[in-house]
Amino acid sequence: MLDPKVIDEISSKVTANLPKGLQALQSDLQHNLRSTLGAALNKLNLVTREEFEIQQGVLARTRAKVDALERRVRELEKALESRDNNG
């Protein structure tokens, strides 16, 4: 989930740079912009950096386990083949 502080910061920056005539509507515009921006960003299924790094670590551990299992299967296949050839 995206941090609401980021959305607030973006909407504040946008409304702070409005022309003078529109700054009177700043509060309403900021509220609407915050809602719209939040909804749009949530639809993107974004993850936080922390969530991404956690999943990256899980993937690395899983990859290491798969590699080890593949090596073990090859060893077992060789042993079985050797046994069948000697048998």
N, C-alpha and C. Protein backbone atom coordinates (compact mmCIF):
# COMPACT_ATOMS: atom_id res chain seq x y z
N MET A 1 0.85 -1.19 0.00
CA MET A 1 0.00 0.00 0.00
C MET A 1 0.88 1.23 0.00
N LEU A 2 0.50 2.22 -0.75
CA LEU A 2 1.26 3.45 -0.87
C LEU A 2 1.04 4.31 0.37
N ASP A 3 2.11 4.91 0.84
CA ASP A 3 2.07 5.75 2.04
C ASP A 3 1.22 7.00 1.76
N PRO A 4 0.19 7.25 2.56
CA PRO A 4 -0.66 8.44 2.36
C PRO A 4 0.14 9.74 2.44
N LYS A 5 1.24 9.75 3.17
CA LYS A 5 2.06 10.96 3.27
C LYS A 5 2.62 11.36 1.91
N VAL A 6 2.94 10.37 1.07
CA VAL A 6 3.46 10.65 -0.26
C VAL A 6 2.38 11.34 -1.10
N ILE A 7 1.17 10.84 -1.02
CA ILE A 7 0.06 11.44 -1.76
C ILE A 7 -0.19 12.87 -1.27
N ASP A 8 -0.17 13.07 0.04
CA ASP A 8 -0.35 14.42 0.60
C ASP A 8 0.74 15.36 0.12
N GLU A 9 1.96 14.86 0.11
CA GLU A 9 3.10 15.70 -0.32
C GLU A 9 2.95 16.10 -1.79
N ILE A 10 2.57 15.16 -2.64
CA ILE A 10 2.40 15.46 -4.06
C ILE A 10 1.27 16.47 -4.26
N SER A 11 0.13 16.24 -3.61
CA SER A 11 -0.99 17.17 -3.79
C SER A 11 -0.67 18.55 -3.24
N SER A 12 0.08 18.62 -2.15
CA SER A 12 0.47 19.92 -1.59
C SER A 12 1.39 20.68 -2.55
N LYS A 13 2.32 19.98 -3.15
CA LYS A 13 3.24 20.62 -4.10
C LYS A 13 2.49 21.14 -5.32
N VAL A 14 1.56 20.35 -5.81
CA VAL A 14 0.79 20.77 -6.99
C VAL A 14 -0.04 22.01 -6.66
N THR A 15 -0.77 21.98 -5.55
CA THR A 15 -1.64 23.11 -5.22
C THR A 15 -0.85 24.34 -4.81
N ALA A 16 0.34 24.17 -4.27
CA ALA A 16 1.17 25.32 -3.89
C ALA A 16 1.64 26.09 -5.11
N ASN A 17 1.71 25.43 -6.24
CA ASN A 17 2.19 26.07 -7.47
C ASN A 17 1.06 26.55 -8.37
N LEU A 18 -0.14 26.63 -7.82
CA LEU A 18 -1.27 27.13 -8.60
C LEU A 18 -1.16 28.64 -8.80
N PRO A 19 -1.73 29.11 -9.89
CA PRO A 19 -1.79 30.56 -10.09
C PRO A 19 -2.60 31.21 -8.96
N LYS A 20 -2.34 32.48 -8.71
CA LYS A 20 -2.96 33.21 -7.59
C LYS A 20 -4.48 33.10 -7.59
N GLY A 21 -5.11 33.20 -8.74
CA GLY A 21 -6.57 33.15 -8.82
C GLY A 21 -7.15 31.82 -8.36
N LEU A 22 -6.41 30.76 -8.55
CA LEU A 22 -6.91 29.43 -8.18
C LEU A 22 -6.56 29.05 -6.74
N GLN A 23 -5.69 29.82 -6.11
CA GLN A 23 -5.29 29.46 -4.76
C GLN A 23 -6.43 29.62 -3.76
N ALA A 24 -7.44 30.39 -4.10
CA ALA A 24 -8.61 30.51 -3.23
C ALA A 24 -9.35 29.18 -3.17
N LEU A 25 -9.23 28.39 -4.21
CA LEU A 25 -9.87 27.07 -4.26
C LEU A 25 -8.91 25.97 -3.81
N GLN A 26 -7.80 26.39 -3.23
CA GLN A 26 -6.72 25.46 -2.91
C GLN A 26 -7.17 24.28 -2.03
N SER A 27 -7.96 24.53 -1.01
CA SER A 27 -8.38 23.49 -0.09
C SER A 27 -9.22 22.43 -0.79
N ASP A 28 -10.22 22.88 -1.56
CA ASP A 28 -11.07 21.93 -2.30
C ASP A 28 -10.27 21.19 -3.35
N LEU A 29 -9.44 21.92 -4.06
CA LEU A 29 -8.63 21.31 -5.11
C LEU A 29 -7.65 20.29 -4.53
N GLN A 30 -7.05 20.63 -3.41
CA GLN A 30 -6.10 19.72 -2.77
C GLN A 30 -6.80 18.44 -2.31
N HIS A 31 -7.98 18.59 -1.74
CA HIS A 31 -8.76 17.42 -1.30
C HIS A 31 -9.11 16.52 -2.48
N ASN A 32 -9.61 17.13 -3.56
CA ASN A 32 -9.99 16.36 -4.75
C ASN A 32 -8.77 15.72 -5.41
N LEU A 33 -7.69 16.47 -5.48
CA LEU A 33 -6.47 15.94 -6.07
C LEU A 33 -5.93 14.77 -5.26
N ARG A 34 -5.97 14.90 -3.94
CA ARG A 34 -5.49 13.83 -3.05
C ARG A 34 -6.32 12.56 -3.27
N SER A 35 -7.63 12.71 -3.35
CA SER A 35 -8.52 11.56 -3.56
C SER A 35 -8.27 10.91 -4.92
N THR A 36 -8.20 11.73 -5.94
CA THR A 36 -8.00 11.22 -7.29
C THR A 36 -6.64 10.55 -7.44
N LEU A 37 -5.63 11.20 -6.93
CA LEU A 37 -4.27 10.66 -7.02
C LEU A 37 -4.17 9.36 -6.23
N GLY A 38 -4.74 9.33 -5.06
CA GLY A 38 -4.72 8.12 -4.24
C GLY A 38 -5.40 6.94 -4.94
N ALA A 39 -6.56 7.20 -5.53
CA ALA A 39 -7.29 6.15 -6.23
C ALA A 39 -6.50 5.66 -7.44
N ALA A 40 -5.92 6.58 -8.19
CA ALA A 40 -5.16 6.19 -9.37
C ALA A 40 -3.92 5.37 -9.00
N LEU A 41 -3.21 5.80 -7.97
CA LEU A 41 -2.01 5.07 -7.58
C LEU A 41 -2.33 3.70 -6.97
N ASN A 42 -3.44 3.60 -6.26
CA ASN A 42 -3.84 2.32 -5.69
C ASN A 42 -4.21 1.31 -6.77
N LYS A 43 -4.74 1.79 -7.89
CA LYS A 43 -5.08 0.90 -8.99
C LYS A 43 -3.82 0.30 -9.64
N LEU A 44 -2.68 0.93 -9.44
CA LEU A 44 -1.44 0.45 -10.05
C LEU A 44 -0.84 -0.74 -9.32
N ASN A 45 -1.42 -1.12 -8.18
CA ASN A 45 -0.89 -2.23 -7.38
C ASN A 45 0.58 -2.05 -7.05
N LEU A 46 0.95 -0.86 -6.60
CA LEU A 46 2.33 -0.58 -6.23
C LEU A 46 2.64 -1.18 -4.87
N VAL A 47 3.91 -1.52 -4.67
CA VAL A 47 4.36 -2.01 -3.37
C VAL A 47 5.42 -1.06 -2.84
N THR A 48 5.62 -1.11 -1.54
CA THR A 48 6.65 -0.26 -0.95
C THR A 48 8.02 -0.85 -1.22
N ARG A 49 9.04 -0.07 -1.06
CA ARG A 49 10.42 -0.53 -1.23
C ARG A 49 10.69 -1.68 -0.26
N GLU A 50 10.19 -1.55 0.96
CA GLU A 50 10.41 -2.59 1.97
C GLU A 50 9.77 -3.91 1.53
N GLU A 51 8.53 -3.85 1.05
CA GLU A 51 7.86 -5.07 0.58
C GLU A 51 8.61 -5.69 -0.60
N PHE A 52 9.10 -4.84 -1.49
CA PHE A 52 9.85 -5.31 -2.65
C PHE A 52 11.13 -6.02 -2.22
N GLU A 53 11.86 -5.41 -1.28
CA GLU A 53 13.12 -6.00 -0.82
C GLU A 53 12.88 -7.31 -0.08
N ILE A 54 11.79 -7.41 0.67
CA ILE A 54 11.46 -8.66 1.35
C ILE A 54 11.21 -9.76 0.32
N GLN A 55 10.41 -9.45 -0.68
CA GLN A 55 10.11 -10.43 -1.71
C GLN A 55 11.35 -10.80 -2.52
N GLN A 56 12.23 -9.84 -2.71
CA GLN A 56 13.48 -10.10 -3.41
C GLN A 56 14.33 -11.11 -2.63
N GLY A 57 14.36 -10.97 -1.30
CA GLY A 57 15.08 -11.90 -0.44
C GLY A 57 14.46 -13.29 -0.47
N VAL A 58 13.13 -13.34 -0.43
CA VAL A 58 12.42 -14.63 -0.51
C VAL A 58 12.75 -15.32 -1.83
N LEU A 59 12.73 -14.57 -2.90
CA LEU A 59 13.04 -15.13 -4.21
C LEU A 59 14.46 -15.66 -4.28
N ALA A 60 15.41 -14.93 -3.72
CA ALA A 60 16.81 -15.36 -3.73
C ALA A 60 16.97 -16.66 -2.95
N ARG A 61 16.33 -16.76 -1.78
CA ARG A 61 16.41 -18.00 -0.98
C ARG A 61 15.75 -19.16 -1.72
N THR A 62 14.63 -18.90 -2.36
CA THR A 62 13.94 -19.94 -3.12
C THR A 62 14.80 -20.40 -4.29
N ARG A 63 15.42 -19.47 -4.97
CA ARG A 63 16.29 -19.81 -6.10
C ARG A 63 17.45 -20.68 -5.63
N ALA A 64 18.04 -20.36 -4.49
CA ALA A 64 19.15 -21.15 -3.95
C ALA A 64 18.68 -22.57 -3.61
N LYS A 65 17.49 -22.70 -3.04
CA LYS A 65 16.95 -24.02 -2.72
C LYS A 65 16.69 -24.83 -3.98
N VAL A 66 16.13 -24.19 -5.01
CA VAL A 66 15.87 -24.88 -6.27
C VAL A 66 17.18 -25.34 -6.90
N ASP A 67 18.19 -24.49 -6.89
CA ASP A 67 19.51 -24.87 -7.43
C ASP A 67 20.07 -26.07 -6.69
N ALA A 68 19.98 -26.07 -5.36
CA ALA A 68 20.49 -27.19 -4.55
C ALA A 68 19.71 -28.47 -4.86
N LEU A 69 18.41 -28.36 -5.00
CA LEU A 69 17.59 -29.54 -5.33
C LEU A 69 17.91 -30.07 -6.72
N GLU A 70 18.15 -29.17 -7.67
CA GLU A 70 18.52 -29.61 -9.02
C GLU A 70 19.84 -30.36 -9.00
N ARG A 71 20.82 -29.85 -8.23
CA ARG A 71 22.11 -30.54 -8.11
C ARG A 71 21.91 -31.93 -7.49
N ARG A 72 21.08 -31.99 -6.46
CA ARG A 72 20.83 -33.27 -5.77
C ARG A 72 20.15 -34.27 -6.70
N VAL A 73 19.20 -33.82 -7.50
CA VAL A 73 18.53 -34.70 -8.45
C VAL A 73 19.52 -35.24 -9.46
N ARG A 74 20.41 -34.37 -9.97
CA ARG A 74 21.43 -34.83 -10.92
C ARG A 74 22.33 -35.89 -10.29
N GLU A 75 22.73 -35.66 -9.05
CA GLU A 75 23.57 -36.64 -8.33
C GLU A 75 22.84 -37.98 -8.18
N LEU A 76 21.58 -37.91 -7.79
CA LEU A 76 20.81 -39.14 -7.63
C LEU A 76 20.60 -39.86 -8.95
N GLU A 77 20.36 -39.10 -10.02
CA GLU A 77 20.19 -39.71 -11.34
C GLU A 77 21.49 -40.40 -11.78
N LYS A 78 22.62 -39.75 -11.53
CA LYS A 78 23.91 -40.36 -11.88
C LYS A 78 24.13 -41.64 -11.07
N ALA A 79 23.82 -41.58 -9.77
CA ALA A 79 23.99 -42.77 -8.92
C ALA A 79 23.07 -43.89 -9.40
N LEU A 80 21.87 -43.59 -9.76
CA LEU A 80 20.93 -44.59 -10.23
C LEU A 80 21.39 -45.18 -11.56
N GLU A 81 21.84 -44.32 -12.44
CA GLU A 81 22.35 -44.77 -13.74
C GLU A 81 23.57 -45.66 -13.57
N SER A 82 24.44 -45.26 -12.68
CA SER A 82 25.65 -46.05 -12.39
C SER A 82 25.26 -47.41 -11.83
N ARG A 83 24.30 -47.45 -10.93
CA ARG A 83 23.84 -48.70 -10.33
C ARG A 83 23.22 -49.61 -11.38
N ASP A 84 22.42 -49.02 -12.30
CA ASP A 84 21.78 -49.79 -13.36
C ASP A 84 22.80 -50.36 -14.33
N ASN A 85 23.85 -49.61 -14.60
CA ASN A 85 24.91 -50.07 -15.53
C ASN A 85 25.77 -51.15 -14.91
N ASN A 86 25.93 -51.16 -13.59
CA ASN A 86 26.75 -52.16 -12.91
C ASN A 86 25.95 -53.39 -12.52
N GLY A 87 24.69 -53.32 -12.61
CA GLY A 87 23.80 -54.25 -12.02
C GLY A 87 23.46 -55.50 -12.64
